[in-house]
Amino acid sequence: MIKLRLKRYGKKREVSYRIVAIDSRARRDGRPLEELGFYNPRTDETRLNVPGLVKRVKQGAQPTDTVRRILEKAHVFEQVKATTTTAEG
């Protein structure tokens, strides 16, 4: 199963995260299938590859709880629903 999760990087106590698509059995900092965004919890900065995230979610990738909250703030799930309804109709 493909998961959308955070991959930690940066110095000690100055951590940042990349939002990645990765196999659920891989380790946290393992090789990702695709890097889809960036999240800095200290400044609450996010940069997202929205078309890539929409594509992965439509393919069935499951976000972790933290990534789900980040994507909800950015209204990514609304775009997923919008593209599925236009494709059906």
N, C-alpha and C. Protein backbone atom coordinates (compact mmCIF):
# COMPACT_ATOMS: atom_id res chain seq x y z
N MET A 1 0.84 -1.17 0.00
CA MET A 1 0.00 0.00 0.00
C MET A 1 0.89 1.24 0.00
N ILE A 2 0.48 2.24 -0.75
CA ILE A 2 1.22 3.50 -0.82
C ILE A 2 0.68 4.44 0.25
N LYS A 3 1.59 5.05 0.99
CA LYS A 3 1.23 6.01 2.03
C LYS A 3 1.79 7.37 1.68
N LEU A 4 1.06 8.41 2.07
CA LEU A 4 1.58 9.78 2.01
C LEU A 4 1.99 10.10 3.44
N ARG A 5 3.29 10.29 3.65
CA ARG A 5 3.77 10.53 5.00
C ARG A 5 4.89 11.54 5.01
N LEU A 6 5.31 11.90 6.22
CA LEU A 6 6.37 12.88 6.38
C LEU A 6 7.72 12.18 6.45
N LYS A 7 8.71 12.76 5.78
CA LYS A 7 10.08 12.28 5.83
C LYS A 7 10.90 13.37 6.49
N ARG A 8 11.53 13.05 7.59
CA ARG A 8 12.26 14.03 8.39
C ARG A 8 13.61 14.34 7.76
N TYR A 9 13.98 15.61 7.79
CA TYR A 9 15.33 16.01 7.43
C TYR A 9 15.66 17.33 8.12
N GLY A 10 16.91 17.72 8.10
CA GLY A 10 17.35 18.94 8.77
C GLY A 10 18.21 18.63 9.97
N LYS A 11 18.69 19.69 10.60
CA LYS A 11 19.56 19.53 11.76
C LYS A 11 18.74 19.21 13.00
N LYS A 12 19.45 18.81 14.07
CA LYS A 12 18.80 18.59 15.35
C LYS A 12 18.11 19.86 15.79
N ARG A 13 16.91 19.72 16.28
CA ARG A 13 16.10 20.83 16.79
C ARG A 13 15.78 21.89 15.74
N GLU A 14 16.09 21.62 14.50
CA GLU A 14 15.71 22.49 13.39
C GLU A 14 15.12 21.63 12.29
N VAL A 15 14.20 20.78 12.67
CA VAL A 15 13.68 19.77 11.78
C VAL A 15 12.68 20.36 10.78
N SER A 16 12.68 19.79 9.60
CA SER A 16 11.69 20.06 8.57
C SER A 16 11.28 18.71 8.01
N TYR A 17 10.21 18.71 7.24
CA TYR A 17 9.72 17.45 6.69
C TYR A 17 9.41 17.61 5.21
N ARG A 18 9.59 16.53 4.49
CA ARG A 18 9.12 16.44 3.12
C ARG A 18 7.90 15.54 3.12
N ILE A 19 6.90 15.88 2.35
CA ILE A 19 5.72 15.03 2.20
C ILE A 19 6.01 14.11 1.02
N VAL A 20 6.02 12.81 1.25
CA VAL A 20 6.42 11.85 0.24
C VAL A 20 5.39 10.75 0.07
N ALA A 21 5.37 10.17 -1.12
CA ALA A 21 4.62 8.94 -1.38
C ALA A 21 5.63 7.81 -1.24
N ILE A 22 5.33 6.85 -0.37
CA ILE A 22 6.27 5.79 -0.07
C ILE A 22 5.51 4.51 0.25
N ASP A 23 6.13 3.37 0.02
CA ASP A 23 5.52 2.09 0.37
C ASP A 23 5.36 2.03 1.88
N SER A 24 4.25 1.53 2.36
CA SER A 24 3.95 1.54 3.80
C SER A 24 4.93 0.69 4.60
N ARG A 25 5.59 -0.27 3.96
CA ARG A 25 6.52 -1.13 4.69
C ARG A 25 7.92 -0.55 4.78
N ALA A 26 8.18 0.54 4.07
CA ALA A 26 9.51 1.15 4.08
C ALA A 26 9.73 1.94 5.36
N ARG A 27 10.99 2.13 5.73
CA ARG A 27 11.29 2.90 6.93
C ARG A 27 10.98 4.38 6.73
N ARG A 28 10.93 5.13 7.80
CA ARG A 28 10.49 6.53 7.74
C ARG A 28 11.33 7.36 6.78
N ASP A 29 12.63 7.22 6.82
CA ASP A 29 13.50 8.03 5.98
C ASP A 29 14.02 7.24 4.78
N GLY A 30 13.29 6.23 4.36
CA GLY A 30 13.69 5.43 3.23
C GLY A 30 13.49 6.15 1.91
N ARG A 31 13.82 5.48 0.83
CA ARG A 31 13.71 6.07 -0.49
C ARG A 31 12.24 6.20 -0.90
N PRO A 32 11.78 7.43 -1.19
CA PRO A 32 10.37 7.61 -1.55
C PRO A 32 10.12 7.31 -3.02
N LEU A 33 8.87 7.04 -3.36
CA LEU A 33 8.48 6.90 -4.75
C LEU A 33 8.45 8.27 -5.42
N GLU A 34 7.99 9.28 -4.64
CA GLU A 34 7.85 10.63 -5.18
C GLU A 34 7.80 11.62 -4.02
N GLU A 35 8.47 12.76 -4.17
CA GLU A 35 8.38 13.84 -3.19
C GLU A 35 7.31 14.81 -3.65
N LEU A 36 6.35 15.08 -2.77
CA LEU A 36 5.17 15.84 -3.16
C LEU A 36 5.00 17.16 -2.43
N GLY A 37 5.88 17.47 -1.52
CA GLY A 37 5.73 18.73 -0.82
C GLY A 37 6.73 18.89 0.30
N PHE A 38 6.57 19.98 1.04
CA PHE A 38 7.47 20.38 2.11
C PHE A 38 6.63 20.93 3.25
N TYR A 39 7.03 20.64 4.48
CA TYR A 39 6.35 21.18 5.66
C TYR A 39 7.37 21.55 6.72
N ASN A 40 7.29 22.78 7.20
CA ASN A 40 8.15 23.25 8.27
C ASN A 40 7.27 23.57 9.48
N PRO A 41 7.30 22.74 10.52
CA PRO A 41 6.41 22.96 11.66
C PRO A 41 6.79 24.18 12.50
N ARG A 42 8.03 24.64 12.42
CA ARG A 42 8.45 25.80 13.23
C ARG A 42 7.84 27.09 12.70
N THR A 43 7.73 27.21 11.38
CA THR A 43 7.14 28.43 10.79
C THR A 43 5.76 28.15 10.20
N ASP A 44 5.32 26.90 10.23
CA ASP A 44 4.05 26.46 9.66
C ASP A 44 3.99 26.74 8.15
N GLU A 45 5.14 26.66 7.51
CA GLU A 45 5.23 26.86 6.06
C GLU A 45 4.99 25.54 5.34
N THR A 46 4.20 25.57 4.28
CA THR A 46 3.99 24.39 3.46
C THR A 46 4.11 24.77 1.99
N ARG A 47 4.71 23.88 1.24
CA ARG A 47 4.74 24.01 -0.22
C ARG A 47 4.32 22.65 -0.76
N LEU A 48 3.26 22.63 -1.56
CA LEU A 48 2.69 21.37 -2.01
C LEU A 48 2.65 21.29 -3.53
N ASN A 49 2.91 20.10 -4.04
CA ASN A 49 2.72 19.79 -5.45
C ASN A 49 1.28 19.26 -5.56
N VAL A 50 0.33 20.17 -5.68
CA VAL A 50 -1.09 19.80 -5.60
C VAL A 50 -1.49 18.82 -6.71
N PRO A 51 -1.10 19.03 -7.99
CA PRO A 51 -1.49 18.03 -8.99
C PRO A 51 -0.93 16.63 -8.70
N GLY A 52 0.28 16.57 -8.18
CA GLY A 52 0.85 15.27 -7.82
C GLY A 52 0.13 14.63 -6.66
N LEU A 53 -0.25 15.43 -5.67
CA LEU A 53 -0.99 14.90 -4.52
C LEU A 53 -2.37 14.41 -4.94
N VAL A 54 -3.05 15.17 -5.80
CA VAL A 54 -4.38 14.77 -6.28
C VAL A 54 -4.27 13.44 -7.03
N LYS A 55 -3.24 13.32 -7.85
CA LYS A 55 -3.05 12.08 -8.63
C LYS A 55 -2.83 10.89 -7.70
N ARG A 56 -1.98 11.05 -6.68
CA ARG A 56 -1.69 9.95 -5.76
C ARG A 56 -2.92 9.57 -4.93
N VAL A 57 -3.68 10.54 -4.48
CA VAL A 57 -4.88 10.24 -3.68
C VAL A 57 -5.90 9.52 -4.54
N LYS A 58 -6.06 9.94 -5.79
CA LYS A 58 -6.99 9.25 -6.69
C LYS A 58 -6.54 7.83 -6.98
N GLN A 59 -5.23 7.56 -6.93
CA GLN A 59 -4.72 6.21 -7.14
C GLN A 59 -4.88 5.34 -5.90
N GLY A 60 -5.27 5.94 -4.77
CA GLY A 60 -5.53 5.15 -3.57
C GLY A 60 -4.51 5.30 -2.48
N ALA A 61 -3.61 6.26 -2.57
CA ALA A 61 -2.61 6.47 -1.52
C ALA A 61 -3.31 6.95 -0.25
N GLN A 62 -2.90 6.41 0.90
CA GLN A 62 -3.52 6.75 2.18
C GLN A 62 -2.62 7.71 2.95
N PRO A 63 -3.09 8.93 3.25
CA PRO A 63 -2.27 9.86 4.03
C PRO A 63 -2.29 9.50 5.51
N THR A 64 -1.19 9.78 6.20
CA THR A 64 -1.17 9.64 7.65
C THR A 64 -2.00 10.76 8.25
N ASP A 65 -2.25 10.71 9.55
CA ASP A 65 -3.11 11.70 10.20
C ASP A 65 -2.56 13.11 10.04
N THR A 66 -1.25 13.28 10.25
CA THR A 66 -0.65 14.60 10.15
C THR A 66 -0.71 15.13 8.73
N VAL A 67 -0.39 14.29 7.77
CA VAL A 67 -0.44 14.71 6.36
C VAL A 67 -1.88 15.01 5.96
N ARG A 68 -2.83 14.25 6.48
CA ARG A 68 -4.24 14.50 6.17
C ARG A 68 -4.64 15.90 6.63
N ARG A 69 -4.20 16.31 7.83
CA ARG A 69 -4.53 17.65 8.34
C ARG A 69 -3.88 18.73 7.47
N ILE A 70 -2.66 18.52 7.03
CA ILE A 70 -1.99 19.49 6.16
C ILE A 70 -2.74 19.62 4.84
N LEU A 71 -3.16 18.49 4.27
CA LEU A 71 -3.87 18.51 3.00
C LEU A 71 -5.27 19.12 3.15
N GLU A 72 -5.91 18.91 4.28
CA GLU A 72 -7.22 19.53 4.51
C GLU A 72 -7.11 21.04 4.59
N LYS A 73 -6.04 21.54 5.24
CA LYS A 73 -5.83 22.99 5.31
C LYS A 73 -5.62 23.58 3.92
N ALA A 74 -4.99 22.82 3.04
CA ALA A 74 -4.71 23.31 1.68
C ALA A 74 -5.85 22.99 0.71
N HIS A 75 -6.94 22.39 1.19
CA HIS A 75 -8.13 22.08 0.38
C HIS A 75 -7.81 21.14 -0.78
N VAL A 76 -6.91 20.20 -0.57
CA VAL A 76 -6.54 19.24 -1.62
C VAL A 76 -7.67 18.24 -1.85
N PHE A 77 -8.35 17.81 -0.77
CA PHE A 77 -9.40 16.81 -0.93
C PHE A 77 -10.59 17.37 -1.70
N GLU A 78 -10.83 18.67 -1.59
CA GLU A 78 -11.89 19.29 -2.38
C GLU A 78 -11.57 19.21 -3.86
N GLN A 79 -10.30 19.36 -4.20
CA GLN A 79 -9.89 19.27 -5.61
C GLN A 79 -10.00 17.84 -6.11
N VAL A 80 -9.73 16.87 -5.23
CA VAL A 80 -9.89 15.47 -5.63
C VAL A 80 -11.34 15.19 -5.95
N LYS A 81 -12.25 15.66 -5.09
CA LYS A 81 -13.68 15.45 -5.33
C LYS A 81 -14.14 16.17 -6.59
N ALA A 82 -13.62 17.37 -6.84
CA ALA A 82 -14.01 18.13 -8.02
C ALA A 82 -13.56 17.43 -9.29
N THR A 83 -12.36 16.86 -9.29
CA THR A 83 -11.89 16.19 -10.52
C THR A 83 -12.60 14.87 -10.74
N THR A 84 -13.00 14.19 -9.67
CA THR A 84 -13.73 12.93 -9.86
C THR A 84 -15.15 13.18 -10.35
N THR A 85 -15.79 14.26 -9.88
CA THR A 85 -17.16 14.54 -10.34
C THR A 85 -17.17 15.04 -11.77
N THR A 86 -16.17 15.80 -12.19
CA THR A 86 -16.13 16.25 -13.58
C THR A 86 -15.77 15.10 -14.51
N ALA A 87 -14.99 14.16 -14.05
CA ALA A 87 -14.63 13.01 -14.88
C ALA A 87 -15.82 12.09 -15.08
N GLU A 88 -16.68 11.98 -14.04
CA GLU A 88 -17.84 11.10 -14.14
C GLU A 88 -18.94 11.73 -14.99
N GLY A 89 -19.11 13.04 -14.89
CA GLY A 89 -20.25 13.70 -15.54
C GLY A 89 -19.93 14.19 -16.88
